[in-house]
Amino acid sequence: RMTYAGGTFSGLKAVIAASEAVVMGHLCSYEGRKIDHSRLDKIVNWGPLLRLTDVRAFLGTVG
């Protein structure tokens, strides 16, 4: 399926048969998806958005 969709795997980065893994900012496990707390801390402690680049960076993190 991955080849059909154009996806690839990296042998050094691949996690196989793990009980949980972080995927796109979510902690995925058998119980379901949870928020990755390191990402949540970045959002909570974000400073004021003064420039357009600040807004883009924030939206990229939240996104």
PDB file of N, CA and C in Angstrom:
ATOM      1  N   ARG A   1       0.807  -1.191   0.000  1.00  0.00           N
ATOM      2  CA  ARG A   1       0.000   0.000   0.000  1.00  0.00           C
ATOM      3  C   ARG A   1       0.852   1.257   0.000  1.00  0.00           C
ATOM      4  N   MET A   2       1.941   1.240   0.720  1.00  0.00           N
ATOM      5  CA  MET A   2       2.789   2.428   0.763  1.00  0.00           C
ATOM      6  C   MET A   2       3.402   2.720  -0.600  1.00  0.00           C
ATOM      7  N   THR A   3       3.834   1.701  -1.308  1.00  0.00           N
ATOM      8  CA  THR A   3       4.414   1.903  -2.630  1.00  0.00           C
ATOM      9  C   THR A   3       3.373   2.468  -3.583  1.00  0.00           C
ATOM     10  N   TYR A   4       2.157   1.985  -3.513  1.00  0.00           N
ATOM     11  CA  TYR A   4       1.075   2.472  -4.364  1.00  0.00           C
ATOM     12  C   TYR A   4       0.797   3.955  -4.102  1.00  0.00           C
ATOM     13  N   ALA A   5       0.882   4.367  -2.853  1.00  0.00           N
ATOM     14  CA  ALA A   5       0.616   5.753  -2.483  1.00  0.00           C
ATOM     15  C   ALA A   5       1.839   6.643  -2.643  1.00  0.00           C
ATOM     16  N   GLY A   6       2.972   6.066  -3.025  1.00  0.00           N
ATOM     17  CA  GLY A   6       4.188   6.849  -3.208  1.00  0.00           C
ATOM     18  C   GLY A   6       4.976   7.058  -1.934  1.00  0.00           C
ATOM     19  N   GLY A   7       4.657   6.336  -0.877  1.00  0.00           N
ATOM     20  CA  GLY A   7       5.356   6.481   0.392  1.00  0.00           C
ATOM     21  C   GLY A   7       6.597   5.610   0.458  1.00  0.00           C
ATOM     22  N   THR A   8       7.502   5.982   1.325  1.00  0.00           N
ATOM     23  CA  THR A   8       8.719   5.205   1.540  1.00  0.00           C
ATOM     24  C   THR A   8       8.966   5.080   3.041  1.00  0.00           C
ATOM     25  N   PHE A   9       9.793   4.133   3.409  1.00  0.00           N
ATOM     26  CA  PHE A   9      10.186   3.934   4.798  1.00  0.00           C
ATOM     27  C   PHE A   9      11.682   4.137   4.933  1.00  0.00           C
ATOM     28  N   SER A  10      12.107   4.650   6.063  1.00  0.00           N
ATOM     29  CA  SER A  10      13.514   4.756   6.397  1.00  0.00           C
ATOM     30  C   SER A  10      13.818   3.687   7.435  1.00  0.00           C
ATOM     31  N   GLY A  11      14.780   2.841   7.154  1.00  0.00           N
ATOM     32  CA  GLY A  11      15.122   1.772   8.080  1.00  0.00           C
ATOM     33  C   GLY A  11      15.586   2.278   9.432  1.00  0.00           C
ATOM     34  N   LEU A  12      16.280   3.419   9.451  1.00  0.00           N
ATOM     35  CA  LEU A  12      16.770   3.961  10.717  1.00  0.00           C
ATOM     36  C   LEU A  12      15.663   4.612  11.538  1.00  0.00           C
ATOM     37  N   LYS A  13      14.625   5.124  10.869  1.00  0.00           N
ATOM     38  CA  LYS A  13      13.555   5.833  11.565  1.00  0.00           C
ATOM     39  C   LYS A  13      12.314   4.979  11.795  1.00  0.00           C
ATOM     40  N   ALA A  14      12.235   3.816  11.185  1.00  0.00           N
ATOM     41  CA  ALA A  14      11.031   2.986  11.261  1.00  0.00           C
ATOM     42  C   ALA A  14      10.848   2.406  12.666  1.00  0.00           C
ATOM     43  N   VAL A  15       9.611   2.436  13.134  1.00  0.00           N
ATOM     44  CA  VAL A  15       9.250   1.833  14.413  1.00  0.00           C
ATOM     45  C   VAL A  15       8.233   0.746  14.105  1.00  0.00           C
ATOM     46  N   ILE A  16       8.606  -0.501  14.356  1.00  0.00           N
ATOM     47  CA  ILE A  16       7.759  -1.636  14.003  1.00  0.00           C
ATOM     48  C   ILE A  16       7.357  -2.371  15.277  1.00  0.00           C
ATOM     49  N   ALA A  17       6.080  -2.695  15.402  1.00  0.00           N
ATOM     50  CA  ALA A  17       5.520  -3.445  16.529  1.00  0.00           C
ATOM     51  C   ALA A  17       5.738  -2.729  17.859  1.00  0.00           C
ATOM     52  N   ALA A  18       5.593  -1.406  17.864  1.00  0.00           N
ATOM     53  CA  ALA A  18       5.720  -0.625  19.094  1.00  0.00           C
ATOM     54  C   ALA A  18       4.348  -0.478  19.749  1.00  0.00           C
ATOM     55  N   SER A  19       4.324  -0.367  21.051  1.00  0.00           N
ATOM     56  CA  SER A  19       3.049  -0.195  21.750  1.00  0.00           C
ATOM     57  C   SER A  19       2.490   1.211  21.565  1.00  0.00           C
ATOM     58  N   GLU A  20       3.372   2.200  21.306  1.00  0.00           N
ATOM     59  CA  GLU A  20       2.935   3.555  21.012  1.00  0.00           C
ATOM     60  C   GLU A  20       3.993   4.272  20.192  1.00  0.00           C
ATOM     61  N   ALA A  21       3.561   5.257  19.406  1.00  0.00           N
ATOM     62  CA  ALA A  21       4.467   6.026  18.565  1.00  0.00           C
ATOM     63  C   ALA A  21       3.893   7.420  18.362  1.00  0.00           C
ATOM     64  N   VAL A  22       4.777   8.405  18.164  1.00  0.00           N
ATOM     65  CA  VAL A  22       4.348   9.769  17.881  1.00  0.00           C
ATOM     66  C   VAL A  22       4.237   9.922  16.373  1.00  0.00           C
ATOM     67  N   VAL A  23       3.027  10.265  15.906  1.00  0.00           N
ATOM     68  CA  VAL A  23       2.761  10.432  14.482  1.00  0.00           C
ATOM     69  C   VAL A  23       2.090  11.782  14.288  1.00  0.00           C
ATOM     70  N   MET A  24       2.729  12.669  13.561  1.00  0.00           N
ATOM     71  CA  MET A  24       2.167  13.984  13.233  1.00  0.00           C
ATOM     72  C   MET A  24       1.690  14.736  14.478  1.00  0.00           C
ATOM     73  N   GLY A  25       2.477  14.675  15.545  1.00  0.00           N
ATOM     74  CA  GLY A  25       2.138  15.414  16.752  1.00  0.00           C
ATOM     75  C   GLY A  25       1.137  14.745  17.670  1.00  0.00           C
ATOM     76  N   HIS A  26       0.748  13.518  17.364  1.00  0.00           N
ATOM     77  CA  HIS A  26      -0.184  12.774  18.213  1.00  0.00           C
ATOM     78  C   HIS A  26       0.506  11.514  18.719  1.00  0.00           C
ATOM     79  N   LEU A  27       0.270  11.180  19.960  1.00  0.00           N
ATOM     80  CA  LEU A  27       0.783   9.950  20.541  1.00  0.00           C
ATOM     81  C   LEU A  27      -0.247   8.861  20.270  1.00  0.00           C
ATOM     82  N   CYS A  28       0.071   7.954  19.365  1.00  0.00           N
ATOM     83  CA  CYS A  28      -0.866   6.905  18.952  1.00  0.00           C
ATOM     84  C   CYS A  28      -0.522   5.603  19.662  1.00  0.00           C
ATOM     85  N   SER A  29      -1.542   4.980  20.267  1.00  0.00           N
ATOM     86  CA  SER A  29      -1.355   3.709  20.957  1.00  0.00           C
ATOM     87  C   SER A  29      -2.603   2.869  20.755  1.00  0.00           C
ATOM     88  N   TYR A  30      -2.636   1.722  21.415  1.00  0.00           N
ATOM     89  CA  TYR A  30      -3.803   0.851  21.311  1.00  0.00           C
ATOM     90  C   TYR A  30      -5.047   1.488  21.932  1.00  0.00           C
ATOM     91  N   GLU A  31      -4.853   2.400  22.885  1.00  0.00           N
ATOM     92  CA  GLU A  31      -5.981   3.077  23.519  1.00  0.00           C
ATOM     93  C   GLU A  31      -6.560   4.189  22.650  1.00  0.00           C
ATOM     94  N   GLY A  32      -5.823   4.625  21.635  1.00  0.00           N
ATOM     95  CA  GLY A  32      -6.279   5.703  20.755  1.00  0.00           C
ATOM     96  C   GLY A  32      -5.226   6.789  20.634  1.00  0.00           C
ATOM     97  N   ARG A  33      -5.637   7.971  20.144  1.00  0.00           N
ATOM     98  CA  ARG A  33      -4.726   9.095  19.975  1.00  0.00           C
ATOM     99  C   ARG A  33      -4.768  10.004  21.190  1.00  0.00           C
ATOM    100  N   LYS A  34      -3.593  10.485  21.581  1.00  0.00           N
ATOM    101  CA  LYS A  34      -3.470  11.435  22.679  1.00  0.00           C
ATOM    102  C   LYS A  34      -2.608  12.597  22.204  1.00  0.00           C
ATOM    103  N   ILE A  35      -2.679  13.710  22.910  1.00  0.00           N
ATOM    104  CA  ILE A  35      -1.874  14.872  22.570  1.00  0.00           C
ATOM    105  C   ILE A  35      -0.443  14.646  23.042  1.00  0.00           C
ATOM    106  N   ASP A  36       0.521  14.988  22.193  1.00  0.00           N
ATOM    107  CA  ASP A  36       1.931  14.944  22.571  1.00  0.00           C
ATOM    108  C   ASP A  36       2.206  16.171  23.446  1.00  0.00           C
ATOM    109  N   HIS A  37       2.534  15.958  24.716  1.00  0.00           N
ATOM    110  CA  HIS A  37       2.646  17.057  25.672  1.00  0.00           C
ATOM    111  C   HIS A  37       3.793  18.006  25.358  1.00  0.00           C
ATOM    112  N   SER A  38       4.846  17.555  24.691  1.00  0.00           N
ATOM    113  CA  SER A  38       5.921  18.471  24.326  1.00  0.00           C
ATOM    114  C   SER A  38       5.419  19.504  23.324  1.00  0.00           C
ATOM    115  N   ARG A  39       4.545  19.093  22.438  1.00  0.00           N
ATOM    116  CA  ARG A  39       3.965  20.024  21.467  1.00  0.00           C
ATOM    117  C   ARG A  39       2.967  20.961  22.152  1.00  0.00           C
ATOM    118  N   LEU A  40       2.218  20.443  23.090  1.00  0.00           N
ATOM    119  CA  LEU A  40       1.256  21.261  23.824  1.00  0.00           C
ATOM    120  C   LEU A  40       1.961  22.342  24.629  1.00  0.00           C
ATOM    121  N   ASP A  41       3.097  22.021  25.242  1.00  0.00           N
ATOM    122  CA  ASP A  41       3.857  23.007  26.009  1.00  0.00           C
ATOM    123  C   ASP A  41       4.341  24.149  25.123  1.00  0.00           C
ATOM    124  N   LYS A  42       4.748  23.847  23.891  1.00  0.00           N
ATOM    125  CA  LYS A  42       5.177  24.894  22.962  1.00  0.00           C
ATOM    126  C   LYS A  42       4.036  25.851  22.660  1.00  0.00           C
ATOM    127  N   ILE A  43       2.834  25.317  22.483  1.00  0.00           N
ATOM    128  CA  ILE A  43       1.680  26.146  22.148  1.00  0.00           C
ATOM    129  C   ILE A  43       1.286  27.018  23.339  1.00  0.00           C
ATOM    130  N   VAL A  44       1.270  26.444  24.537  1.00  0.00           N
ATOM    131  CA  VAL A  44       0.864  27.186  25.734  1.00  0.00           C
ATOM    132  C   VAL A  44       1.847  28.315  26.034  1.00  0.00           C
ATOM    133  N   ASN A  45       3.145  28.075  25.840  1.00  0.00           N
ATOM    134  CA  ASN A  45       4.171  29.061  26.180  1.00  0.00           C
ATOM    135  C   ASN A  45       4.568  29.947  25.003  1.00  0.00           C
ATOM    136  N   TRP A  46       3.764  29.965  23.941  1.00  0.00           N
ATOM    137  CA  TRP A  46       4.087  30.768  22.761  1.00  0.00           C
ATOM    138  C   TRP A  46       3.967  32.251  23.103  1.00  0.00           C
ATOM    139  N   GLY A  47       4.880  33.045  22.605  1.00  0.00           N
ATOM    140  CA  GLY A  47       4.858  34.492  22.842  1.00  0.00           C
ATOM    141  C   GLY A  47       3.848  35.191  21.942  1.00  0.00           C
ATOM    142  N   PRO A  48       3.821  36.522  22.002  1.00  0.00           N
ATOM    143  CA  PRO A  48       2.883  37.278  21.167  1.00  0.00           C
ATOM    144  C   PRO A  48       3.244  37.170  19.685  1.00  0.00           C
ATOM    145  N   LEU A  49       2.216  37.178  18.846  1.00  0.00           N
ATOM    146  CA  LEU A  49       2.405  37.081  17.402  1.00  0.00           C
ATOM    147  C   LEU A  49       2.492  38.495  16.839  1.00  0.00           C
ATOM    148  N   LEU A  50       3.716  38.967  16.610  1.00  0.00           N
ATOM    149  CA  LEU A  50       3.922  40.349  16.188  1.00  0.00           C
ATOM    150  C   LEU A  50       4.079  40.496  14.680  1.00  0.00           C
ATOM    151  N   ARG A  51       4.621  39.486  14.017  1.00  0.00           N
ATOM    152  CA  ARG A  51       4.871  39.560  12.579  1.00  0.00           C
ATOM    153  C   ARG A  51       4.135  38.436  11.875  1.00  0.00           C
ATOM    154  N   LEU A  52       4.028  38.558  10.568  1.00  0.00           N
ATOM    155  CA  LEU A  52       3.365  37.533   9.767  1.00  0.00           C
ATOM    156  C   LEU A  52       4.100  36.198   9.877  1.00  0.00           C
ATOM    157  N   THR A  53       5.418  36.238   9.967  1.00  0.00           N
ATOM    158  CA  THR A  53       6.174  34.987  10.112  1.00  0.00           C
ATOM    159  C   THR A  53       5.862  34.300  11.441  1.00  0.00           C
ATOM    160  N   ASP A  54       5.585  35.091  12.483  1.00  0.00           N
ATOM    161  CA  ASP A  54       5.191  34.518  13.777  1.00  0.00           C
ATOM    162  C   ASP A  54       3.856  33.790  13.659  1.00  0.00           C
ATOM    163  N   VAL A  55       2.913  34.403  12.947  1.00  0.00           N
ATOM    164  CA  VAL A  55       1.596  33.790  12.755  1.00  0.00           C
ATOM    165  C   VAL A  55       1.733  32.495  11.973  1.00  0.00           C
ATOM    166  N   ARG A  56       2.544  32.510  10.924  1.00  0.00           N
ATOM    167  CA  ARG A  56       2.741  31.303  10.109  1.00  0.00           C
ATOM    168  C   ARG A  56       3.399  30.190  10.914  1.00  0.00           C
ATOM    169  N   ALA A  57       4.375  30.536  11.739  1.00  0.00           N
ATOM    170  CA  ALA A  57       5.041  29.533  12.572  1.00  0.00           C
ATOM    171  C   ALA A  57       4.063  28.931  13.576  1.00  0.00           C
ATOM    172  N   PHE A  58       3.232  29.775  14.176  1.00  0.00           N
ATOM    173  CA  PHE A  58       2.244  29.288  15.139  1.00  0.00           C
ATOM    174  C   PHE A  58       1.236  28.364  14.471  1.00  0.00           C
ATOM    175  N   LEU A  59       0.714  28.771  13.324  1.00  0.00           N
ATOM    176  CA  LEU A  59      -0.259  27.939  12.617  1.00  0.00           C
ATOM    177  C   LEU A  59       0.363  26.628  12.145  1.00  0.00           C
ATOM    178  N   GLY A  60       1.643  26.648  11.797  1.00  0.00           N
ATOM    179  CA  GLY A  60       2.323  25.410  11.418  1.00  0.00           C
ATOM    180  C   GLY A  60       2.465  24.454  12.591  1.00  0.00           C
ATOM    181  N   THR A  61       2.658  24.995  13.780  1.00  0.00           N
ATOM    182  CA  THR A  61       2.774  24.159  14.972  1.00  0.00           C
ATOM    183  C   THR A  61       1.417  23.619  15.402  1.00  0.00           C
ATOM    184  N   VAL A  62       0.402  24.461  15.351  1.00  0.00           N
ATOM    185  CA  VAL A  62      -0.940  24.055  15.769  1.00  0.00           C
ATOM    186  C   VAL A  62      -1.555  23.106  14.760  1.00  0.00           C
ATOM    187  N   GLY A  63      -1.345  23.396  13.500  1.00  0.00           N
ATOM    188  CA  GLY A  63      -1.933  22.817  12.366  1.00  0.00           C
ATOM    189  C   GLY A  63      -2.322  21.506  12.122  1.00  0.00           C
TER     190      GLY A  63
END
